[in-house]
């Protein structure tokens, strides 16, 4: 694949900007089974200490959130129910912010994705949610803390979307006023957006 890796400097932008800038770029995971990749079509921003929906609300620092306090551009992977979710650490050092990758559109390794997600799935069901895409790409908790500008889990340049939509984030009902922040971004009209 003749892709151009996004350098660490790309991630040093304000979190809301980064959440939109990531759209159209390609998330890739290499495993011993092969390469699986998808265009990022949906993201959500979590702006740390003042965001009730963020794991780092109130500067909560735990073993799980530790990576968020470091440099931007690293993978914050955590488990929710039975799924792993992948986030891009953003914000400055000691300002724990992150961007959740919510959906991707498969571009490589689709057979591998079917194998991992089940052969009876519709193509859109492979990667149209944060837990689905990690399973399809083979992203696990082992990827926690990995720099996203190095293999085997990395993001490369794609095409900037023509139109971006925004709205409230999903699945954060118990987060007070934060549940209404329009911090979810998606490529308008893309069929792999989660809902």
C-alpha atoms as a PDB file:
ATOM      1  CA  UNK A   1       0.000   0.000   0.000  1.00  0.00           C
ATOM      2  CA  UNK A   2       1.506   3.304  -1.036  1.00  0.00           C
ATOM      3  CA  UNK A   3       0.015   5.281   1.819  1.00  0.00           C
ATOM      4  CA  UNK A   4       1.516   8.335   3.484  1.00  0.00           C
ATOM      5  CA  UNK A   5       1.648   8.013   7.274  1.00  0.00           C
ATOM      6  CA  UNK A   6       0.189  10.894   9.289  1.00  0.00           C
ATOM      7  CA  UNK A   7       3.113  12.270  11.308  1.00  0.00           C
ATOM      8  CA  UNK A   8       2.948  12.954  15.046  1.00  0.00           C
ATOM      9  CA  UNK A   9       2.599  16.714  14.367  1.00  0.00           C
ATOM     10  CA  UNK A  10      -0.820  16.103  12.749  1.00  0.00           C
ATOM     11  CA  UNK A  11      -2.282  15.150  16.145  1.00  0.00           C
ATOM     12  CA  UNK A  12      -1.184  18.407  17.799  1.00  0.00           C
ATOM     13  CA  UNK A  13      -4.379  20.320  17.039  1.00  0.00           C
ATOM     14  CA  UNK A  14      -7.362  21.181  19.251  1.00  0.00           C
ATOM     15  CA  UNK A  15      -9.522  18.126  19.950  1.00  0.00           C
ATOM     16  CA  UNK A  16     -12.648  19.364  18.131  1.00  0.00           C
ATOM     17  CA  UNK A  17     -10.527  20.151  15.066  1.00  0.00           C
ATOM     18  CA  UNK A  18      -8.789  16.784  15.247  1.00  0.00           C
ATOM     19  CA  UNK A  19     -12.123  14.941  15.469  1.00  0.00           C
ATOM     20  CA  UNK A  20     -13.074  16.516  12.121  1.00  0.00           C
ATOM     21  CA  UNK A  21      -9.589  16.313  10.575  1.00  0.00           C
ATOM     22  CA  UNK A  22      -9.468  12.544  11.118  1.00  0.00           C
ATOM     23  CA  UNK A  23     -12.492  12.022   8.845  1.00  0.00           C
ATOM     24  CA  UNK A  24     -11.417  10.667   5.467  1.00  0.00           C
ATOM     25  CA  UNK A  25      -8.079   9.354   6.715  1.00  0.00           C
ATOM     26  CA  UNK A  26      -7.440   5.598   6.860  1.00  0.00           C
ATOM     27  CA  UNK A  27      -7.045   3.497  10.008  1.00  0.00           C
ATOM     28  CA  UNK A  28      -4.878   0.401   9.402  1.00  0.00           C
ATOM     29  CA  UNK A  29      -4.049  -2.627  11.562  1.00  0.00           C
ATOM     30  CA  UNK A  30      -1.492  -5.211  10.506  1.00  0.00           C
ATOM     31  CA  UNK A  31      -1.645  -8.646  12.149  1.00  0.00           C
ATOM     32  CA  UNK A  32      -0.144 -12.022  11.306  1.00  0.00           C
ATOM     33  CA  UNK A  33      -3.445 -12.784   9.512  1.00  0.00           C
ATOM     34  CA  UNK A  34      -3.002  -9.797   7.183  1.00  0.00           C
ATOM     35  CA  UNK A  35      -3.886  -6.125   6.815  1.00  0.00           C
ATOM     36  CA  UNK A  36      -7.319  -4.649   7.481  1.00  0.00           C
ATOM     37  CA  UNK A  37      -8.036  -0.966   6.830  1.00  0.00           C
ATOM     38  CA  UNK A  38     -10.947   1.439   6.770  1.00  0.00           C
ATOM     39  CA  UNK A  39     -11.621   5.101   6.022  1.00  0.00           C
ATOM     40  CA  UNK A  40     -12.606   6.937   9.215  1.00  0.00           C
ATOM     41  CA  UNK A  41     -16.193   8.126   8.651  1.00  0.00           C
ATOM     42  CA  UNK A  42     -17.372   9.004  12.184  1.00  0.00           C
ATOM     43  CA  UNK A  43     -15.683  10.347  15.342  1.00  0.00           C
ATOM     44  CA  UNK A  44     -16.589  11.769  18.757  1.00  0.00           C
ATOM     45  CA  UNK A  45     -14.564  14.282  20.774  1.00  0.00           C
ATOM     46  CA  UNK A  46     -14.114  13.978  24.541  1.00  0.00           C
ATOM     47  CA  UNK A  47     -12.643  17.067  26.151  1.00  0.00           C
ATOM     48  CA  UNK A  48     -11.253  15.839  29.432  1.00  0.00           C
ATOM     49  CA  UNK A  49     -11.604  17.502  32.813  1.00  0.00           C
ATOM     50  CA  UNK A  50     -14.742  19.585  32.097  1.00  0.00           C
ATOM     51  CA  UNK A  51     -16.580  16.987  29.975  1.00  0.00           C
ATOM     52  CA  UNK A  52     -18.837  14.789  32.140  1.00  0.00           C
ATOM     53  CA  UNK A  53     -18.890  12.149  29.402  1.00  0.00           C
ATOM     54  CA  UNK A  54     -15.082  11.784  29.352  1.00  0.00           C
ATOM     55  CA  UNK A  55     -13.261   9.086  31.328  1.00  0.00           C
ATOM     56  CA  UNK A  56     -10.909  11.834  32.490  1.00  0.00           C
ATOM     57  CA  UNK A  57     -13.694  14.119  33.811  1.00  0.00           C
ATOM     58  CA  UNK A  58     -12.408  16.053  36.804  1.00  0.00           C
ATOM     59  CA  UNK A  59      -8.853  15.041  35.864  1.00  0.00           C
ATOM     60  CA  UNK A  60      -9.594  11.436  36.955  1.00  0.00           C
ATOM     61  CA  UNK A  61      -6.278   9.659  36.560  1.00  0.00           C
ATOM     62  CA  UNK A  62      -6.345   5.865  36.651  1.00  0.00           C
ATOM     63  CA  UNK A  63      -4.324   3.066  35.143  1.00  0.00           C
ATOM     64  CA  UNK A  64      -6.862   3.072  32.293  1.00  0.00           C
ATOM     65  CA  UNK A  65      -6.808   6.832  31.595  1.00  0.00           C
ATOM     66  CA  UNK A  66      -3.055   7.342  32.135  1.00  0.00           C
ATOM     67  CA  UNK A  67      -2.245   7.433  28.387  1.00  0.00           C
ATOM     68  CA  UNK A  68      -4.649  10.390  27.953  1.00  0.00           C
ATOM     69  CA  UNK A  69      -2.376  12.566  30.083  1.00  0.00           C
ATOM     70  CA  UNK A  70       0.514  12.100  27.658  1.00  0.00           C
ATOM     71  CA  UNK A  71       1.374  13.240  24.135  1.00  0.00           C
ATOM     72  CA  UNK A  72      -1.346  13.322  21.465  1.00  0.00           C
ATOM     73  CA  UNK A  73      -1.379  10.726  18.690  1.00  0.00           C
ATOM     74  CA  UNK A  74      -1.373   7.574  20.838  1.00  0.00           C
ATOM     75  CA  UNK A  75      -4.042   4.878  21.028  1.00  0.00           C
ATOM     76  CA  UNK A  76      -6.317   4.883  24.054  1.00  0.00           C
ATOM     77  CA  UNK A  77      -8.002   1.463  23.859  1.00  0.00           C
ATOM     78  CA  UNK A  78     -10.438   0.389  26.539  1.00  0.00           C
ATOM     79  CA  UNK A  79     -13.011  -2.348  26.964  1.00  0.00           C
ATOM     80  CA  UNK A  80     -16.725  -1.729  27.266  1.00  0.00           C
ATOM     81  CA  UNK A  81     -18.941  -4.785  27.787  1.00  0.00           C
ATOM     82  CA  UNK A  82     -17.240  -7.299  25.469  1.00  0.00           C
ATOM     83  CA  UNK A  83     -15.842  -4.798  22.965  1.00  0.00           C
ATOM     84  CA  UNK A  84     -12.607  -2.859  22.668  1.00  0.00           C
ATOM     85  CA  UNK A  85     -12.977   0.802  21.650  1.00  0.00           C
ATOM     86  CA  UNK A  86     -10.165   2.794  20.056  1.00  0.00           C
ATOM     87  CA  UNK A  87      -9.531   6.473  20.711  1.00  0.00           C
ATOM     88  CA  UNK A  88      -6.868   8.887  19.513  1.00  0.00           C
ATOM     89  CA  UNK A  89      -5.279  10.747  22.430  1.00  0.00           C
ATOM     90  CA  UNK A  90      -5.525  14.497  21.802  1.00  0.00           C
ATOM     91  CA  UNK A  91      -4.946  17.734  23.679  1.00  0.00           C
ATOM     92  CA  UNK A  92      -1.725  18.860  25.307  1.00  0.00           C
ATOM     93  CA  UNK A  93       0.318  16.865  27.810  1.00  0.00           C
ATOM     94  CA  UNK A  94      -1.504  16.763  31.191  1.00  0.00           C
ATOM     95  CA  UNK A  95      -4.779  17.789  29.424  1.00  0.00           C
ATOM     96  CA  UNK A  96      -6.502  14.411  29.052  1.00  0.00           C
ATOM     97  CA  UNK A  97      -8.603  14.562  25.879  1.00  0.00           C
ATOM     98  CA  UNK A  98      -9.377  12.008  23.180  1.00  0.00           C
ATOM     99  CA  UNK A  99     -11.262  11.318  19.964  1.00  0.00           C
ATOM    100  CA  UNK A 100     -13.268   8.080  19.728  1.00  0.00           C
ATOM    101  CA  UNK A 101     -13.271   6.474  16.291  1.00  0.00           C
ATOM    102  CA  UNK A 102     -16.931   5.452  15.898  1.00  0.00           C
ATOM    103  CA  UNK A 103     -17.069   3.995  12.372  1.00  0.00           C
ATOM    104  CA  UNK A 104     -14.905   3.199   9.347  1.00  0.00           C
ATOM    105  CA  UNK A 105     -15.617   2.218   5.747  1.00  0.00           C
ATOM    106  CA  UNK A 106     -13.630  -0.924   4.776  1.00  0.00           C
ATOM    107  CA  UNK A 107     -10.989  -0.419   2.070  1.00  0.00           C
ATOM    108  CA  UNK A 108      -8.690  -3.402   2.570  1.00  0.00           C
ATOM    109  CA  UNK A 109      -8.901  -6.846   4.175  1.00  0.00           C
ATOM    110  CA  UNK A 110     -12.666  -7.212   3.832  1.00  0.00           C
ATOM    111  CA  UNK A 111     -12.457 -11.040   3.837  1.00  0.00           C
ATOM    112  CA  UNK A 112     -10.541 -10.837   7.106  1.00  0.00           C
ATOM    113  CA  UNK A 113     -13.255  -8.555   8.494  1.00  0.00           C
ATOM    114  CA  UNK A 114     -15.975 -11.055   7.562  1.00  0.00           C
ATOM    115  CA  UNK A 115     -13.946 -13.809   9.189  1.00  0.00           C
ATOM    116  CA  UNK A 116     -13.634 -11.825  12.420  1.00  0.00           C
ATOM    117  CA  UNK A 117     -17.189 -10.463  12.503  1.00  0.00           C
ATOM    118  CA  UNK A 118     -19.175 -13.366  11.051  1.00  0.00           C
ATOM    119  CA  UNK A 119     -19.865 -14.274   7.460  1.00  0.00           C
ATOM    120  CA  UNK A 120     -23.597 -13.562   7.624  1.00  0.00           C
ATOM    121  CA  UNK A 121     -23.186  -9.829   8.273  1.00  0.00           C
ATOM    122  CA  UNK A 122     -24.216  -7.100   5.838  1.00  0.00           C
ATOM    123  CA  UNK A 123     -21.152  -5.178   4.656  1.00  0.00           C
ATOM    124  CA  UNK A 124     -22.235  -2.046   6.544  1.00  0.00           C
ATOM    125  CA  UNK A 125     -22.574  -4.089   9.759  1.00  0.00           C
ATOM    126  CA  UNK A 126     -18.875  -4.972   9.676  1.00  0.00           C
ATOM    127  CA  UNK A 127     -17.593  -1.596  10.868  1.00  0.00           C
ATOM    128  CA  UNK A 128     -20.521   0.786  11.553  1.00  0.00           C
ATOM    129  CA  UNK A 129     -19.888   1.109  15.284  1.00  0.00           C
ATOM    130  CA  UNK A 130     -16.915   1.568  17.631  1.00  0.00           C
ATOM    131  CA  UNK A 131     -16.909  -2.029  18.936  1.00  0.00           C
ATOM    132  CA  UNK A 132     -17.570  -3.504  15.492  1.00  0.00           C
ATOM    133  CA  UNK A 133     -14.671  -1.739  13.783  1.00  0.00           C
ATOM    134  CA  UNK A 134     -12.100  -2.808  16.376  1.00  0.00           C
ATOM    135  CA  UNK A 135     -13.182  -6.445  16.044  1.00  0.00           C
ATOM    136  CA  UNK A 136     -13.141  -6.225  12.236  1.00  0.00           C
ATOM    137  CA  UNK A 137      -9.680  -4.630  12.165  1.00  0.00           C
ATOM    138  CA  UNK A 138      -8.223  -6.795  14.947  1.00  0.00           C
ATOM    139  CA  UNK A 139      -7.625  -3.914  17.375  1.00  0.00           C
ATOM    140  CA  UNK A 140      -7.364  -5.122  20.991  1.00  0.00           C
ATOM    141  CA  UNK A 141      -6.350  -3.909  24.443  1.00  0.00           C
ATOM    142  CA  UNK A 142      -2.798  -4.900  23.481  1.00  0.00           C
ATOM    143  CA  UNK A 143      -2.804  -1.780  21.267  1.00  0.00           C
ATOM    144  CA  UNK A 144      -3.237   0.506  24.300  1.00  0.00           C
ATOM    145  CA  UNK A 145      -0.560   3.206  24.284  1.00  0.00           C
ATOM    146  CA  UNK A 146       0.634   2.473  20.752  1.00  0.00           C
ATOM    147  CA  UNK A 147       1.770   5.516  18.708  1.00  0.00           C
ATOM    148  CA  UNK A 148      -0.640   5.861  15.772  1.00  0.00           C
ATOM    149  CA  UNK A 149       2.184   7.058  13.525  1.00  0.00           C
ATOM    150  CA  UNK A 150       3.924   3.628  13.661  1.00  0.00           C
ATOM    151  CA  UNK A 151       3.026   0.144  12.529  1.00  0.00           C
ATOM    152  CA  UNK A 152       1.207  -2.146  13.231  1.00  0.00           C
ATOM    153  CA  UNK A 153      -1.701   0.208  14.184  1.00  0.00           C
ATOM    154  CA  UNK A 154      -1.526   3.478  12.303  1.00  0.00           C
ATOM    155  CA  UNK A 155      -3.389   6.169  10.378  1.00  0.00           C
ATOM    156  CA  UNK A 156      -2.496   7.263   6.853  1.00  0.00           C
ATOM    157  CA  UNK A 157      -3.587  10.099   4.607  1.00  0.00           C
ATOM    158  CA  UNK A 158      -6.905   9.738   2.855  1.00  0.00           C
ATOM    159  CA  UNK A 159      -9.187  12.186   1.067  1.00  0.00           C
ATOM    160  CA  UNK A 160     -10.810  15.090   2.890  1.00  0.00           C
ATOM    161  CA  UNK A 161     -14.602  14.727   2.929  1.00  0.00           C
ATOM    162  CA  UNK A 162     -16.706  17.150   0.898  1.00  0.00           C
ATOM    163  CA  UNK A 163     -19.282  17.570   3.642  1.00  0.00           C
ATOM    164  CA  UNK A 164     -19.151  16.940   7.415  1.00  0.00           C
ATOM    165  CA  UNK A 165     -22.222  16.738   9.691  1.00  0.00           C
ATOM    166  CA  UNK A 166     -22.236  17.148  13.456  1.00  0.00           C
ATOM    167  CA  UNK A 167     -24.560  16.343  16.325  1.00  0.00           C
ATOM    168  CA  UNK A 168     -24.717  15.060  19.915  1.00  0.00           C
ATOM    169  CA  UNK A 169     -22.625  12.078  20.965  1.00  0.00           C
ATOM    170  CA  UNK A 170     -24.202   8.638  21.399  1.00  0.00           C
ATOM    171  CA  UNK A 171     -24.637   6.408  24.458  1.00  0.00           C
ATOM    172  CA  UNK A 172     -23.748   8.928  27.162  1.00  0.00           C
ATOM    173  CA  UNK A 173     -27.200   9.489  28.719  1.00  0.00           C
ATOM    174  CA  UNK A 174     -25.971   9.926  32.306  1.00  0.00           C
ATOM    175  CA  UNK A 175     -23.581  12.778  31.609  1.00  0.00           C
ATOM    176  CA  UNK A 176     -25.711  15.858  32.380  1.00  0.00           C
ATOM    177  CA  UNK A 177     -25.376  18.786  29.986  1.00  0.00           C
ATOM    178  CA  UNK A 178     -22.453  17.024  28.224  1.00  0.00           C
ATOM    179  CA  UNK A 179     -24.838  14.633  26.462  1.00  0.00           C
ATOM    180  CA  UNK A 180     -26.079  17.522  24.294  1.00  0.00           C
ATOM    181  CA  UNK A 181     -22.685  18.818  23.130  1.00  0.00           C
ATOM    182  CA  UNK A 182     -22.530  18.548  19.303  1.00  0.00           C
ATOM    183  CA  UNK A 183     -19.168  16.769  19.409  1.00  0.00           C
ATOM    184  CA  UNK A 184     -19.935  13.835  17.111  1.00  0.00           C
ATOM    185  CA  UNK A 185     -18.769  14.320  13.517  1.00  0.00           C
ATOM    186  CA  UNK A 186     -19.428  12.202  10.452  1.00  0.00           C
ATOM    187  CA  UNK A 187     -19.033  12.220   6.688  1.00  0.00           C
ATOM    188  CA  UNK A 188     -22.448  13.324   5.500  1.00  0.00           C
ATOM    189  CA  UNK A 189     -24.377  10.561   3.771  1.00  0.00           C
ATOM    190  CA  UNK A 190     -21.797   7.815   4.333  1.00  0.00           C
ATOM    191  CA  UNK A 191     -23.559   4.463   4.708  1.00  0.00           C
ATOM    192  CA  UNK A 192     -21.116   3.190   7.349  1.00  0.00           C
ATOM    193  CA  UNK A 193     -21.995   5.892   9.908  1.00  0.00           C
ATOM    194  CA  UNK A 194     -23.268   4.163  13.054  1.00  0.00           C
ATOM    195  CA  UNK A 195     -26.808   5.610  13.065  1.00  0.00           C
END
